[in-house]
Amino acid sequence: MYQKKQFDETNRWSLFPKENKKSDNGPDYTGEVDIGGTKYRLAGWKRVSKKSGKKFLSGAIEPKDGKNDRQNDDFRNLTSR
């Protein structure tokens, strides 16, 4: 009998286009990442550089469980810049 191999998602991420944005400010892409066994939500926005005119993605990351502990605060500080 064939047994499908379990894919290890640790330290891997995925982003998918957001098809039905609720507002113009909402992310263009959403997804998740698993860092060392802890899951986080990802959000990405399409941007254009004011200096060069080149397209790029900016993003945010937040804990998927929504807990408010020191480790999660560190990620919020990184993504609020």
Protein backbone atom coordinates (compact mmCIF):
# COMPACT_ATOMS: atom_id res chain seq x y z
CA MET A 1 0.00 0.00 0.00
CA TYR A 2 1.32 3.47 -0.97
CA GLN A 3 1.95 5.82 1.93
CA LYS A 4 2.29 9.53 1.17
CA LYS A 5 5.43 11.05 2.69
CA GLN A 6 4.73 13.85 5.21
CA PHE A 7 6.24 17.15 4.03
CA ASP A 8 8.27 19.00 6.67
CA GLU A 9 7.09 22.63 6.66
CA THR A 10 9.56 23.80 9.32
CA ASN A 11 11.42 26.96 8.22
CA ARG A 12 9.38 27.21 5.01
CA TRP A 13 6.83 29.80 3.91
CA SER A 14 4.10 30.28 1.32
CA LEU A 15 2.34 33.39 0.01
CA PHE A 16 -0.82 33.35 -2.07
CA PRO A 17 -2.55 36.18 -3.96
CA LYS A 18 -5.47 37.65 -2.02
CA GLU A 19 -8.37 37.41 -4.46
CA ASN A 20 -11.05 39.28 -2.51
CA LYS A 21 -9.41 42.16 -0.69
CA LYS A 22 -11.72 43.77 1.88
CA SER A 23 -10.05 47.19 1.53
CA ASP A 24 -7.49 48.94 -0.66
CA ASN A 25 -5.06 48.91 2.28
CA GLY A 26 -5.40 45.15 2.79
CA PRO A 27 -2.54 42.84 1.83
CA ASP A 28 -2.14 41.67 -1.76
CA TYR A 29 -0.74 38.34 -0.55
CA THR A 30 -1.28 36.26 2.58
CA GLY A 31 0.28 33.07 3.85
CA GLU A 32 2.15 31.48 6.69
CA VAL A 33 5.62 30.48 7.80
CA ASP A 34 6.79 27.86 10.29
CA ILE A 35 9.90 28.99 12.17
CA GLY A 36 11.34 26.35 14.43
CA GLY A 37 7.94 24.71 14.85
CA THR A 38 6.04 27.96 15.59
CA LYS A 39 3.54 29.18 12.99
CA TYR A 40 3.25 32.84 11.95
CA ARG A 41 0.90 34.67 9.59
CA LEU A 42 2.42 36.55 6.65
CA ALA A 43 1.00 39.50 4.75
CA GLY A 44 2.54 41.10 1.65
CA TRP A 45 1.84 44.29 -0.26
CA LYS A 46 2.87 45.18 -3.81
CA ARG A 47 4.88 48.40 -3.76
CA VAL A 48 6.78 50.65 -6.16
CA SER A 49 9.98 52.37 -5.07
CA LYS A 50 9.68 56.16 -5.10
CA LYS A 51 13.40 56.46 -5.95
CA SER A 52 13.90 53.83 -8.65
CA GLY A 53 10.36 53.02 -9.74
CA LYS A 54 11.13 49.30 -9.28
CA LYS A 55 8.40 46.99 -8.04
CA PHE A 56 8.88 45.07 -4.80
CA LEU A 57 6.97 43.35 -1.98
CA SER A 58 6.83 44.62 1.58
CA GLY A 59 5.53 42.43 4.33
CA ALA A 60 4.50 41.82 7.90
CA ILE A 61 4.67 38.80 10.15
CA GLU A 62 2.71 38.04 13.32
CA PRO A 63 2.21 34.99 15.51
CA LYS A 64 -0.62 32.79 14.31
CA ASP A 65 -1.71 31.97 17.86
CA GLY A 66 -2.17 35.67 18.75
CA LYS A 67 -0.33 35.31 22.07
CA ASN A 68 1.15 38.50 23.46
CA ASP A 69 4.48 37.44 24.92
CA ARG A 70 7.96 38.91 24.70
CA GLN A 71 8.98 36.81 21.68
CA ASN A 72 5.88 37.94 19.78
CA ASP A 73 6.56 41.57 20.76
CA ASP A 74 10.02 41.26 19.20
CA PHE A 75 8.43 40.23 15.88
CA ARG A 76 5.92 43.10 16.09
CA ASN A 77 8.79 45.54 16.60
CA LEU A 78 10.56 44.18 13.52
CA THR A 79 7.47 44.45 11.33
CA SER A 80 6.26 47.87 12.49
CA ARG A 81 9.16 49.75 10.87
